[in-house]
C-alpha atoms as a PDB file:
ATOM      1  CA  MET A   1       0.000   0.000   0.000  1.00  0.00           C
ATOM      2  CA  GLU A   2       1.325   3.440  -0.907  1.00  0.00           C
ATOM      3  CA  PHE A   3       0.518   6.720   0.789  1.00  0.00           C
ATOM      4  CA  GLY A   4       1.232  10.335   0.119  1.00  0.00           C
ATOM      5  CA  ALA A   5       2.371  12.752   2.781  1.00  0.00           C
ATOM      6  CA  LEU A   6       0.317  12.033   5.880  1.00  0.00           C
ATOM      7  CA  LYS A   7      -0.141  13.989   9.052  1.00  0.00           C
ATOM      8  CA  ILE A   8       0.052  11.604  12.016  1.00  0.00           C
ATOM      9  CA  LEU A   9      -0.448  11.992  15.760  1.00  0.00           C
ATOM     10  CA  ILE A  10       0.897   9.372  18.197  1.00  0.00           C
ATOM     11  CA  LEU A  11      -0.470   9.358  21.741  1.00  0.00           C
ATOM     12  CA  LYS A  12       1.855   7.787  24.304  1.00  0.00           C
ATOM     13  CA  PRO A  13       2.236  10.239  27.188  1.00  0.00           C
ATOM     14  CA  SER A  14       3.964   8.072  29.788  1.00  0.00           C
ATOM     15  CA  SER A  15       5.849   6.416  31.410  1.00  0.00           C
ATOM     16  CA  LEU A  16       9.517   6.716  30.372  1.00  0.00           C
ATOM     17  CA  GLY A  17       9.891   3.012  29.670  1.00  0.00           C
ATOM     18  CA  ASP A  18       6.596   2.860  27.783  1.00  0.00           C
ATOM     19  CA  VAL A  19       7.525   5.819  25.594  1.00  0.00           C
ATOM     20  CA  ILE A  20      10.903   4.290  24.753  1.00  0.00           C
ATOM     21  CA  GLN A  21       9.241   0.986  23.904  1.00  0.00           C
ATOM     22  CA  ALA A  22       6.861   2.818  21.556  1.00  0.00           C
ATOM     23  CA  LEU A  23       9.605   4.668  19.650  1.00  0.00           C
ATOM     24  CA  PRO A  24      10.047   1.903  17.018  1.00  0.00           C
ATOM     25  CA  VAL A  25       6.555   2.800  15.774  1.00  0.00           C
ATOM     26  CA  LEU A  26       7.759   6.332  15.076  1.00  0.00           C
ATOM     27  CA  ARG A  27      10.984   5.132  13.437  1.00  0.00           C
ATOM     28  CA  LEU A  28       9.201   2.807  11.020  1.00  0.00           C
ATOM     29  CA  LEU A  29       6.508   5.343  10.170  1.00  0.00           C
ATOM     30  CA  LYS A  30       9.180   7.836   9.111  1.00  0.00           C
ATOM     31  CA  LEU A  31      11.248   5.227   7.280  1.00  0.00           C
ATOM     32  CA  HIS A  32       8.313   4.110   5.151  1.00  0.00           C
ATOM     33  CA  LEU A  33       6.422   7.404   5.003  1.00  0.00           C
ATOM     34  CA  PRO A  34       9.343   9.844   4.840  1.00  0.00           C
ATOM     35  CA  ASN A  35       7.253  12.798   3.644  1.00  0.00           C
ATOM     36  CA  SER A  36       4.802  12.508   6.488  1.00  0.00           C
ATOM     37  CA  GLU A  37       4.648  14.791   9.512  1.00  0.00           C
ATOM     38  CA  VAL A  38       4.483  12.956  12.825  1.00  0.00           C
ATOM     39  CA  PHE A  39       3.550  14.589  16.133  1.00  0.00           C
ATOM     40  CA  TRP A  40       3.691  12.989  19.592  1.00  0.00           C
ATOM     41  CA  TRP A  41       1.355  13.659  22.546  1.00  0.00           C
ATOM     42  CA  ILE A  42       3.489  13.248  25.677  1.00  0.00           C
ATOM     43  CA  ASP A  43       3.483  14.125  29.360  1.00  0.00           C
ATOM     44  CA  SER A  44       5.290  17.419  29.815  1.00  0.00           C
ATOM     45  CA  GLY A  45       7.672  15.800  32.320  1.00  0.00           C
ATOM     46  CA  LEU A  46       9.040  13.551  29.566  1.00  0.00           C
ATOM     47  CA  ALA A  47       8.916  16.045  26.692  1.00  0.00           C
ATOM     48  CA  SER A  48      12.700  16.529  26.682  1.00  0.00           C
ATOM     49  CA  LEU A  49      13.088  12.925  25.501  1.00  0.00           C
ATOM     50  CA  LEU A  50      11.372  13.783  22.204  1.00  0.00           C
ATOM     51  CA  GLU A  51      11.936  17.491  21.667  1.00  0.00           C
ATOM     52  CA  GLY A  52      14.340  17.899  18.771  1.00  0.00           C
ATOM     53  CA  ASP A  53      13.923  14.289  17.657  1.00  0.00           C
ATOM     54  CA  PRO A  54      14.789  14.139  13.935  1.00  0.00           C
ATOM     55  CA  ASP A  55      11.696  12.063  13.100  1.00  0.00           C
ATOM     56  CA  LEU A  56       9.165  14.340  14.765  1.00  0.00           C
ATOM     57  CA  ALA A  57       7.483  17.428  13.346  1.00  0.00           C
ATOM     58  CA  GLY A  58       6.430  18.476  16.831  1.00  0.00           C
ATOM     59  CA  VAL A  59       5.647  17.524  20.415  1.00  0.00           C
ATOM     60  CA  VAL A  60       2.198  18.082  21.931  1.00  0.00           C
ATOM     61  CA  ARG A  61       2.544  18.507  25.694  1.00  0.00           C
ATOM     62  CA  PHE A  62       0.056  16.803  27.978  1.00  0.00           C
ATOM     63  CA  GLU A  63       0.026  18.788  31.226  1.00  0.00           C
ATOM     64  CA  ARG A  64      -1.411  16.031  33.385  1.00  0.00           C
ATOM     65  CA  LYS A  65      -0.730  17.670  36.752  1.00  0.00           C
ATOM     66  CA  ARG A  66      -1.955  21.126  35.726  1.00  0.00           C
ATOM     67  CA  TRP A  67      -5.041  19.885  33.931  1.00  0.00           C
ATOM     68  CA  GLY A  68      -6.133  17.969  37.003  1.00  0.00           C
ATOM     69  CA  SER A  69      -7.275  21.339  38.389  1.00  0.00           C
ATOM     70  CA  PRO A  70     -10.495  22.830  36.957  1.00  0.00           C
ATOM     71  CA  ARG A  71      -8.899  26.275  36.712  1.00  0.00           C
ATOM     72  CA  HIS A  72      -6.508  24.901  34.080  1.00  0.00           C
ATOM     73  CA  TRP A  73      -9.146  23.101  32.014  1.00  0.00           C
ATOM     74  CA  PRO A  74      -9.214  25.948  29.449  1.00  0.00           C
ATOM     75  CA  GLU A  75      -5.617  24.971  28.587  1.00  0.00           C
ATOM     76  CA  ALA A  76      -6.751  21.421  27.855  1.00  0.00           C
ATOM     77  CA  VAL A  77      -9.548  22.747  25.655  1.00  0.00           C
ATOM     78  CA  GLN A  78      -7.059  24.910  23.742  1.00  0.00           C
ATOM     79  CA  SER A  79      -4.832  21.868  23.190  1.00  0.00           C
ATOM     80  CA  ILE A  80      -7.756  19.848  21.847  1.00  0.00           C
ATOM     81  CA  ARG A  81      -8.746  22.686  19.520  1.00  0.00           C
ATOM     82  CA  TRP A  82      -5.174  22.862  18.224  1.00  0.00           C
ATOM     83  CA  MET A  83      -5.190  19.125  17.518  1.00  0.00           C
ATOM     84  CA  ARG A  84      -8.494  19.356  15.666  1.00  0.00           C
ATOM     85  CA  ARG A  85      -7.163  22.185  13.486  1.00  0.00           C
ATOM     86  CA  GLN A  86      -4.302  19.972  12.314  1.00  0.00           C
ATOM     87  CA  ASN A  87      -6.661  17.670  10.371  1.00  0.00           C
ATOM     88  CA  PHE A  88      -4.626  14.573  11.196  1.00  0.00           C
ATOM     89  CA  ASP A  89      -4.913  11.712   8.745  1.00  0.00           C
ATOM     90  CA  TRP A  90      -3.994   9.088  11.362  1.00  0.00           C
ATOM     91  CA  VAL A  91      -4.299   9.266  15.128  1.00  0.00           C
ATOM     92  CA  ILE A  92      -2.521   6.351  16.839  1.00  0.00           C
ATOM     93  CA  ASP A  93      -3.261   5.774  20.521  1.00  0.00           C
ATOM     94  CA  LEU A  94      -0.605   3.555  22.122  1.00  0.00           C
ATOM     95  CA  GLN A  95      -1.632   4.406  25.703  1.00  0.00           C
ATOM     96  CA  CYS A  96      -5.106   2.973  25.255  1.00  0.00           C
ATOM     97  CA  LEU A  97      -6.687   4.207  28.457  1.00  0.00           C
ATOM     98  CA  ALA A  98      -9.938   6.170  28.761  1.00  0.00           C
ATOM     99  CA  ARG A  99      -8.135   9.520  28.932  1.00  0.00           C
ATOM    100  CA  SER A 100      -5.916   8.942  25.901  1.00  0.00           C
ATOM    101  CA  GLY A 101      -8.761   7.356  23.947  1.00  0.00           C
ATOM    102  CA  ALA A 102     -10.942  10.387  24.590  1.00  0.00           C
ATOM    103  CA  PHE A 103      -8.199  12.814  23.545  1.00  0.00           C
ATOM    104  CA  ALA A 104      -7.528  10.697  20.448  1.00  0.00           C
ATOM    105  CA  TRP A 105     -11.211  10.769  19.509  1.00  0.00           C
ATOM    106  CA  LEU A 106     -11.461  14.503  20.172  1.00  0.00           C
ATOM    107  CA  ALA A 107      -8.481  15.087  17.859  1.00  0.00           C
ATOM    108  CA  ASN A 108     -10.938  14.162  15.089  1.00  0.00           C
ATOM    109  CA  GLY A 109      -8.455  12.426  12.773  1.00  0.00           C
ATOM    110  CA  LYS A 110      -9.584  10.662   9.632  1.00  0.00           C
ATOM    111  CA  LEU A 111      -8.488   7.270  11.035  1.00  0.00           C
ATOM    112  CA  LEU A 112      -8.119   6.329  14.707  1.00  0.00           C
ATOM    113  CA  ALA A 113      -6.013   3.279  15.562  1.00  0.00           C
ATOM    114  CA  GLY A 114      -5.125   1.688  18.885  1.00  0.00           C
ATOM    115  CA  LEU A 115      -4.591  -1.463  20.902  1.00  0.00           C
ATOM    116  CA  ASP A 116      -7.059  -3.885  22.468  1.00  0.00           C
ATOM    117  CA  GLU A 117      -6.154  -2.932  26.054  1.00  0.00           C
ATOM    118  CA  PRO A 118      -9.369  -3.825  27.950  1.00  0.00           C
ATOM    119  CA  ARG A 119      -8.817  -1.959  31.231  1.00  0.00           C
ATOM    120  CA  GLU A 120     -10.756   1.234  30.529  1.00  0.00           C
ATOM    121  CA  GLY A 121     -12.572   0.524  27.296  1.00  0.00           C
ATOM    122  CA  ALA A 122     -10.602   2.938  25.112  1.00  0.00           C
ATOM    123  CA  CYS A 123     -10.703   0.530  22.162  1.00  0.00           C
ATOM    124  CA  GLY A 124     -14.346   1.503  21.710  1.00  0.00           C
ATOM    125  CA  PHE A 125     -13.040   4.719  20.119  1.00  0.00           C
ATOM    126  CA  TYR A 126     -10.871   3.018  17.469  1.00  0.00           C
ATOM    127  CA  ASP A 127     -11.393   2.272  13.784  1.00  0.00           C
ATOM    128  CA  VAL A 128      -8.397  -0.097  13.690  1.00  0.00           C
ATOM    129  CA  ILE A 129      -7.441  -2.314  16.648  1.00  0.00           C
ATOM    130  CA  ALA A 130      -4.273  -4.383  17.139  1.00  0.00           C
ATOM    131  CA  ARG A 131      -4.888  -7.501  19.224  1.00  0.00           C
ATOM    132  CA  ARG A 132      -2.194  -8.730  21.601  1.00  0.00           C
ATOM    133  CA  ALA A 133      -1.094 -12.095  20.227  1.00  0.00           C
ATOM    134  CA  SER A 134      -0.769 -13.635  23.707  1.00  0.00           C
ATOM    135  CA  TYR A 135      -0.517 -12.606  27.342  1.00  0.00           C
ATOM    136  CA  HIS A 136       3.276 -12.794  27.137  1.00  0.00           C
ATOM    137  CA  THR A 137       3.629 -10.805  23.903  1.00  0.00           C
ATOM    138  CA  HIS A 138       6.170  -8.073  24.580  1.00  0.00           C
ATOM    139  CA  ALA A 139       4.896  -4.503  24.586  1.00  0.00           C
ATOM    140  CA  VAL A 140       7.269  -3.528  21.744  1.00  0.00           C
ATOM    141  CA  ASP A 141       5.907  -6.304  19.514  1.00  0.00           C
ATOM    142  CA  TRP A 142       2.342  -5.403  20.450  1.00  0.00           C
ATOM    143  CA  TYR A 143       2.854  -1.757  19.511  1.00  0.00           C
ATOM    144  CA  LEU A 144       4.524  -2.738  16.244  1.00  0.00           C
ATOM    145  CA  SER A 145       1.698  -5.145  15.354  1.00  0.00           C
ATOM    146  CA  LEU A 146      -0.465  -2.100  14.670  1.00  0.00           C
ATOM    147  CA  LEU A 147       1.687  -0.978  11.737  1.00  0.00           C
ATOM    148  CA  PRO A 148       0.878  -3.787   9.263  1.00  0.00           C
ATOM    149  CA  LEU A 149      -2.810  -3.001   9.807  1.00  0.00           C
ATOM    150  CA  LEU A 150      -1.963   0.459   8.445  1.00  0.00           C
ATOM    151  CA  GLY A 151       0.072  -0.908   5.538  1.00  0.00           C
ATOM    152  CA  VAL A 152       3.465  -0.160   7.135  1.00  0.00           C
ATOM    153  CA  PRO A 153       6.010  -3.032   7.177  1.00  0.00           C
ATOM    154  CA  VAL A 154       7.801  -4.031  10.377  1.00  0.00           C
ATOM    155  CA  HIS A 155      11.520  -4.783  10.619  1.00  0.00           C
ATOM    156  CA  ARG A 156      14.457  -3.937  12.868  1.00  0.00           C
ATOM    157  CA  ASP A 157      16.486  -1.773  10.486  1.00  0.00           C
ATOM    158  CA  PHE A 158      16.272   1.513  12.390  1.00  0.00           C
ATOM    159  CA  VAL A 159      18.134   3.487  15.049  1.00  0.00           C
ATOM    160  CA  TRP A 160      16.029   3.305  18.204  1.00  0.00           C
ATOM    161  CA  LEU A 161      17.640   6.184  20.112  1.00  0.00           C
ATOM    162  CA  PRO A 162      19.730   8.381  17.799  1.00  0.00           C
ATOM    163  CA  GLU A 163      22.661  10.108  19.434  1.00  0.00           C
ATOM    164  CA  ARG A 164      22.065  13.701  20.541  1.00  0.00           C
ATOM    165  CA  GLU A 165      25.459  15.038  19.488  1.00  0.00           C
ATOM    166  CA  ASP A 166      25.381  18.181  21.623  1.00  0.00           C
ATOM    167  CA  VAL A 167      24.352  16.257  24.733  1.00  0.00           C
ATOM    168  CA  ALA A 168      26.930  13.529  24.050  1.00  0.00           C
ATOM    169  CA  ALA A 169      29.681  16.123  23.690  1.00  0.00           C
ATOM    170  CA  GLY A 170      28.651  17.749  26.960  1.00  0.00           C
ATOM    171  CA  VAL A 171      28.633  14.398  28.748  1.00  0.00           C
ATOM    172  CA  LYS A 172      32.133  13.579  27.511  1.00  0.00           C
ATOM    173  CA  GLU A 173      33.401  16.985  28.570  1.00  0.00           C
ATOM    174  CA  LYS A 174      31.785  16.807  32.000  1.00  0.00           C
ATOM    175  CA  TRP A 175      32.601  13.211  32.971  1.00  0.00           C
ATOM    176  CA  LYS A 176      35.629  12.505  30.714  1.00  0.00           C
ATOM    177  CA  PRO A 177      35.130   8.775  30.134  1.00  0.00           C
ATOM    178  CA  ASP A 178      38.517   8.335  28.387  1.00  0.00           C
ATOM    179  CA  GLY A 179      37.934   4.687  27.512  1.00  0.00           C
ATOM    180  CA  THR A 180      36.814   3.678  31.013  1.00  0.00           C
ATOM    181  CA  ARG A 181      34.855   0.421  31.246  1.00  0.00           C
ATOM    182  CA  TRP A 182      31.676   1.576  32.940  1.00  0.00           C
ATOM    183  CA  ILE A 183      28.946  -0.572  34.449  1.00  0.00           C
ATOM    184  CA  ALA A 184      25.616   1.184  34.956  1.00  0.00           C
ATOM    185  CA  ILE A 185      23.761   0.482  38.207  1.00  0.00           C
ATOM    186  CA  GLN A 186      20.103   1.404  38.779  1.00  0.00           C
ATOM    187  CA  PRO A 187      19.142   0.638  42.420  1.00  0.00           C
ATOM    188  CA  GLY A 188      15.851   2.540  42.517  1.00  0.00           C
ATOM    189  CA  ALA A 189      12.409   1.890  41.054  1.00  0.00           C
ATOM    190  CA  ARG A 190       9.002   3.519  41.275  1.00  0.00           C
ATOM    191  CA  TRP A 191       7.535   0.654  43.302  1.00  0.00           C
ATOM    192  CA  LEU A 192       9.405  -0.255  46.481  1.00  0.00           C
ATOM    193  CA  ASN A 193       8.755  -3.940  45.824  1.00  0.00           C
ATOM    194  CA  LYS A 194      10.541  -3.664  42.462  1.00  0.00           C
ATOM    195  CA  ARG A 195      13.800  -2.777  44.232  1.00  0.00           C
ATOM    196  CA  TRP A 196      16.450  -5.441  44.665  1.00  0.00           C
ATOM    197  CA  PRO A 197      17.853  -4.807  48.181  1.00  0.00           C
ATOM    198  CA  VAL A 198      20.533  -2.135  48.139  1.00  0.00           C
ATOM    199  CA  ALA A 199      22.671  -4.416  50.317  1.00  0.00           C
ATOM    200  CA  HIS A 200      22.641  -6.897  47.416  1.00  0.00           C
ATOM    201  CA  PHE A 201      23.813  -4.157  45.049  1.00  0.00           C
ATOM    202  CA  VAL A 202      26.624  -3.299  47.478  1.00  0.00           C
ATOM    203  CA  GLU A 203      27.707  -6.937  47.690  1.00  0.00           C
ATOM    204  CA  LEU A 204      27.520  -7.270  43.915  1.00  0.00           C
ATOM    205  CA  VAL A 205      29.847  -4.300  43.467  1.00  0.00           C
ATOM    206  CA  ARG A 206      32.278  -5.774  45.986  1.00  0.00           C
ATOM    207  CA  GLN A 207      32.306  -9.110  44.182  1.00  0.00           C
ATOM    208  CA  ILE A 208      32.923  -7.486  40.817  1.00  0.00           C
ATOM    209  CA  LEU A 209      35.737  -5.364  42.240  1.00  0.00           C
ATOM    210  CA  ALA A 210      37.356  -8.482  43.679  1.00  0.00           C
ATOM    211  CA  ARG A 211      37.460  -9.991  40.188  1.00  0.00           C
ATOM    212  CA  ARG A 212      38.016  -6.929  38.025  1.00  0.00           C
ATOM    213  CA  SER A 213      40.483  -4.088  38.280  1.00  0.00           C
ATOM    214  CA  ASP A 214      39.411  -2.434  35.021  1.00  0.00           C
ATOM    215  CA  VAL A 215      35.783  -1.468  35.654  1.00  0.00           C
ATOM    216  CA  HIS A 216      34.072   1.526  37.212  1.00  0.00           C
ATOM    217  CA  PHE A 217      30.453   2.079  38.207  1.00  0.00           C
ATOM    218  CA  LEU A 218      27.902   4.776  37.397  1.00  0.00           C
ATOM    219  CA  VAL A 219      24.869   4.803  39.690  1.00  0.00           C
ATOM    220  CA  PHE A 220      21.760   6.259  38.065  1.00  0.00           C
ATOM    221  CA  GLY A 221      18.430   7.312  39.465  1.00  0.00           C
ATOM    222  CA  SER A 222      16.324  10.247  40.579  1.00  0.00           C
ATOM    223  CA  LYS A 223      17.032  12.573  43.476  1.00  0.00           C
ATOM    224  CA  ASP A 224      15.048  10.160  45.654  1.00  0.00           C
ATOM    225  CA  ASP A 225      17.638   7.441  44.916  1.00  0.00           C
ATOM    226  CA  GLU A 226      20.610   9.496  46.090  1.00  0.00           C
ATOM    227  CA  LEU A 227      20.904   7.693  49.444  1.00  0.00           C
ATOM    228  CA  LEU A 228      20.835   4.317  47.697  1.00  0.00           C
ATOM    229  CA  GLY A 229      23.669   5.530  45.477  1.00  0.00           C
ATOM    230  CA  ASP A 230      25.628   6.698  48.510  1.00  0.00           C
ATOM    231  CA  GLU A 231      25.488   3.202  50.013  1.00  0.00           C
ATOM    232  CA  ILE A 232      26.895   1.714  46.817  1.00  0.00           C
ATOM    233  CA  LEU A 233      29.472   4.496  46.611  1.00  0.00           C
ATOM    234  CA  ARG A 234      30.886   3.506  49.997  1.00  0.00           C
ATOM    235  CA  ALA A 235      31.690   0.046  48.614  1.00  0.00           C
ATOM    236  CA  ALA A 236      33.769   1.456  45.762  1.00  0.00           C
ATOM    237  CA  SER A 237      34.499   5.096  46.513  1.00  0.00           C
ATOM    238  CA  GLU A 238      37.396   5.432  44.073  1.00  0.00           C
ATOM    239  CA  ARG A 239      35.702   3.583  41.225  1.00  0.00           C
ATOM    240  CA  CYS A 240      32.096   4.687  41.541  1.00  0.00           C
ATOM    241  CA  TRP A 241      30.157   7.854  40.727  1.00  0.00           C
ATOM    242  CA  ASN A 242      26.751   8.450  42.274  1.00  0.00           C
ATOM    243  CA  LEU A 243      24.830  10.333  39.576  1.00  0.00           C
ATOM    244  CA  ALA A 244      21.367   9.892  41.130  1.00  0.00           C
ATOM    245  CA  GLY A 245      19.549  13.186  40.683  1.00  0.00           C
ATOM    246  CA  LYS A 246      22.530  14.773  38.929  1.00  0.00           C
ATOM    247  CA  THR A 247      21.793  14.094  35.262  1.00  0.00           C
ATOM    248  CA  SER A 248      19.084  15.155  32.873  1.00  0.00           C
ATOM    249  CA  LEU A 249      17.091  12.525  31.017  1.00  0.00           C
ATOM    250  CA  LEU A 250      19.104  13.033  27.829  1.00  0.00           C
ATOM    251  CA  GLU A 251      22.398  12.990  29.758  1.00  0.00           C
ATOM    252  CA  THR A 252      21.385   9.688  31.323  1.00  0.00           C
ATOM    253  CA  ILE A 253      20.778   8.208  27.888  1.00  0.00           C
ATOM    254  CA  GLU A 254      24.107   9.428  26.496  1.00  0.00           C
ATOM    255  CA  LEU A 255      25.952   8.120  29.568  1.00  0.00           C
ATOM    256  CA  LEU A 256      24.248   4.754  29.152  1.00  0.00           C
ATOM    257  CA  ARG A 257      25.496   4.764  25.561  1.00  0.00           C
ATOM    258  CA  LEU A 258      29.040   4.869  26.979  1.00  0.00           C
ATOM    259  CA  CYS A 259      28.480   1.984  29.416  1.00  0.00           C
ATOM    260  CA  GLU A 260      29.346  -1.621  28.611  1.00  0.00           C
ATOM    261  CA  LEU A 261      26.361  -3.051  30.444  1.00  0.00           C
ATOM    262  CA  MET A 262      23.656  -2.264  32.969  1.00  0.00           C
ATOM    263  CA  VAL A 263      22.475  -3.984  36.149  1.00  0.00           C
ATOM    264  CA  THR A 264      19.035  -2.694  36.986  1.00  0.00           C
ATOM    265  CA  ASN A 265      15.661  -3.069  38.545  1.00  0.00           C
ATOM    266  CA  ASP A 266      12.621  -2.893  36.272  1.00  0.00           C
ATOM    267  CA  THR A 267      12.778   0.833  35.423  1.00  0.00           C
ATOM    268  CA  GLY A 268      12.627   3.293  32.543  1.00  0.00           C
ATOM    269  CA  PRO A 269      16.430   3.533  32.127  1.00  0.00           C
ATOM    270  CA  MET A 270      16.452  -0.255  31.687  1.00  0.00           C
ATOM    271  CA  HIS A 271      14.499   0.238  28.471  1.00  0.00           C
ATOM    272  CA  ALA A 272      16.854   3.001  27.365  1.00  0.00           C
ATOM    273  CA  ALA A 273      19.862   0.707  27.789  1.00  0.00           C
ATOM    274  CA  ALA A 274      18.117  -2.042  25.819  1.00  0.00           C
ATOM    275  CA  ALA A 275      17.197   0.422  23.061  1.00  0.00           C
ATOM    276  CA  LEU A 276      20.870   1.414  22.878  1.00  0.00           C
ATOM    277  CA  GLY A 277      21.847  -2.219  22.420  1.00  0.00           C
ATOM    278  CA  ARG A 278      23.658  -2.469  25.738  1.00  0.00           C
ATOM    279  CA  PRO A 279      23.618  -5.787  27.619  1.00  0.00           C
ATOM    280  CA  VAL A 280      21.048  -5.508  30.406  1.00  0.00           C
ATOM    281  CA  ILE A 281      20.936  -7.697  33.493  1.00  0.00           C
ATOM    282  CA  SER A 282      17.511  -6.937  34.922  1.00  0.00           C
ATOM    283  CA  ILE A 283      16.079  -8.082  38.227  1.00  0.00           C
ATOM    284  CA  HIS A 284      12.354  -8.756  38.362  1.00  0.00           C
ATOM    285  CA  GLY A 285      10.009  -9.389  41.255  1.00  0.00           C
ATOM    286  CA  PRO A 286       6.354  -8.425  40.748  1.00  0.00           C
ATOM    287  CA  THR A 287       6.577  -7.783  36.999  1.00  0.00           C
ATOM    288  CA  GLU A 288       6.665 -10.085  33.970  1.00  0.00           C
ATOM    289  CA  PRO A 289       9.785  -9.481  31.834  1.00  0.00           C
ATOM    290  CA  ARG A 290       8.325 -11.284  28.837  1.00  0.00           C
ATOM    291  CA  ARG A 291       5.706  -8.516  28.617  1.00  0.00           C
ATOM    292  CA  THR A 292       7.674  -5.443  29.622  1.00  0.00           C
ATOM    293  CA  GLY A 293      11.298  -6.431  30.242  1.00  0.00           C
ATOM    294  CA  ALA A 294      14.435  -5.269  28.437  1.00  0.00           C
ATOM    295  CA  TYR A 295      13.510  -6.003  24.833  1.00  0.00           C
ATOM    296  CA  GLY A 296      15.363  -8.917  23.276  1.00  0.00           C
ATOM    297  CA  GLN A 297      17.222  -9.752  26.499  1.00  0.00           C
ATOM    298  CA  MET A 298      15.058 -12.323  28.247  1.00  0.00           C
ATOM    299  CA  GLN A 299      18.087 -14.551  28.853  1.00  0.00           C
ATOM    300  CA  THR A 300      19.385 -12.065  31.430  1.00  0.00           C
ATOM    301  CA  ALA A 301      16.033 -11.142  32.963  1.00  0.00           C
ATOM    302  CA  LEU A 302      16.448 -12.670  36.424  1.00  0.00           C
ATOM    303  CA  LYS A 303      13.529 -13.757  38.567  1.00  0.00           C
ATOM    304  CA  HIS A 304      12.818 -16.182  41.396  1.00  0.00           C
ATOM    305  CA  ALA A 305       9.922 -18.606  41.055  1.00  0.00           C
ATOM    306  CA  LEU A 306       7.182 -18.181  43.642  1.00  0.00           C
ATOM    307  CA  PRO A 307       3.473 -19.064  43.509  1.00  0.00           C
ATOM    308  CA  CYS A 308       2.615 -15.348  43.654  1.00  0.00           C
ATOM    309  CA  ALA A 309       5.180 -14.081  41.128  1.00  0.00           C
ATOM    310  CA  PRO A 310       4.698 -12.114  39.025  1.00  0.00           C
ATOM    311  CA  CYS A 311       1.864 -10.550  41.015  1.00  0.00           C
ATOM    312  CA  MET A 312       1.840  -7.271  39.030  1.00  0.00           C
ATOM    313  CA  LYS A 313       1.068  -5.421  42.268  1.00  0.00           C
ATOM    314  CA  SER A 314       2.809  -2.412  43.800  1.00  0.00           C
ATOM    315  CA  GLU A 315       2.698  -3.871  47.310  1.00  0.00           C
ATOM    316  CA  CYS A 316       3.945  -7.276  48.441  1.00  0.00           C
ATOM    317  CA  SER A 317       1.522  -9.560  50.300  1.00  0.00           C
ATOM    318  CA  TRP A 318       3.679 -12.730  50.358  1.00  0.00           C
ATOM    319  CA  ASN A 319       4.468 -14.210  53.786  1.00  0.00           C
ATOM    320  CA  ASN A 320       8.207 -13.748  53.319  1.00  0.00           C
ATOM    321  CA  ARG A 321       7.977 -10.181  52.133  1.00  0.00           C
ATOM    322  CA  MET A 322       9.761  -9.484  48.825  1.00  0.00           C
ATOM    323  CA  GLU A 323      11.236 -12.977  48.717  1.00  0.00           C
ATOM    324  CA  CYS A 324      10.997 -12.886  44.912  1.00  0.00           C
ATOM    325  CA  LEU A 325      13.743 -10.233  44.914  1.00  0.00           C
ATOM    326  CA  ILE A 326      15.731 -11.106  48.023  1.00  0.00           C
ATOM    327  CA  ALA A 327      16.229 -14.691  46.840  1.00  0.00           C
ATOM    328  CA  ILE A 328      18.128 -13.522  43.733  1.00  0.00           C
ATOM    329  CA  SER A 329      21.658 -13.583  45.085  1.00  0.00           C
ATOM    330  CA  PRO A 330      24.524 -11.203  44.298  1.00  0.00           C
ATOM    331  CA  GLU A 331      26.526 -14.279  43.240  1.00  0.00           C
ATOM    332  CA  THR A 332      23.936 -15.094  40.570  1.00  0.00           C
ATOM    333  CA  VAL A 333      23.936 -11.559  39.239  1.00  0.00           C
ATOM    334  CA  CYS A 334      27.746 -11.393  39.356  1.00  0.00           C
ATOM    335  CA  ALA A 335      28.003 -14.503  37.176  1.00  0.00           C
ATOM    336  CA  HIS A 336      25.854 -12.805  34.535  1.00  0.00           C
ATOM    337  CA  VAL A 337      27.960  -9.640  34.788  1.00  0.00           C
ATOM    338  CA  GLU A 338      31.136 -11.669  34.242  1.00  0.00           C
ATOM    339  CA  ALA A 339      29.651 -13.346  31.188  1.00  0.00           C
ATOM    340  CA  ALA A 340      28.498 -10.026  29.754  1.00  0.00           C
ATOM    341  CA  LEU A 341      31.835  -8.329  30.343  1.00  0.00           C
ATOM    342  CA  GLY A 342      33.604 -11.184  28.604  1.00  0.00           C
ATOM    343  CA  SER A 343      31.318 -10.961  25.567  1.00  0.00           C
ATOM    344  CA  THR A 344      31.544  -7.174  25.280  1.00  0.00           C
ATOM    345  CA  ARG A 345      35.321  -7.262  25.548  1.00  0.00           C
END
């Protein structure tokens, strides 16, 4: 099927990991419809990830926090009116919740496409619906399955996260990597029961240091993770940098590009590392890596079998609280780190 120049709106406002997992849809749209203009509706807190992206004609900010207050509803109305004036040919909702479905419908595009996410009934708005092949179908593959329904072929010949040259230059000037072998560590996570114990991270670092004299560690996270980073820092003060809360989103991505591998909880930066093609050793408790883990790296998605896991809940109700995470030993993770370091070398 051939198309002329289309005007396309993608809705995927959050979270960081979900937006990164949806980026292949954008890449393939622009590869196969190069004359088209693609816009992205995104939470304002994540807008920096996409602003200036070479494949986007523009970013439409979703001010979720502001628009929760009635006094800011006129701003939401103005945004909807702007979208309607664009006369979009395709509106693609990859969030597929009631809010995004309603905004997608109000955008009044000629064709509205989305996923068969049943939670809030958003698929009732769509003209074209992509079914999830199975419960364990990865989110990336589910998003991409929408494209053939629109006549767009799917393949892997694209750059997932293109380098931001100015940001990369600033990172190299600020942190001066100079060929250092860096291991990225992500000890935090949004849910407390997605966090491998920080004591396990500390022991992991100690074990790696006992085996390797040529590696250094970068600890990533938000400002809230700074204390976790400090605990890891004490285990390797001369070979570790605690960057929690000290880097922008784009700086984090460019620093991950310089790392050889990442050890991480189930977090947004995990998906960035996978998109960059870095080996990812991910630690999973309540979540299912086959659905939302580091894409293409299930062999290093570590989990401990329990009757309740994965529970997909933000709070643990198992008798031995958080056993699914605690039972994954630093020795097990260290063995995977050793194997990854050997393959990257």
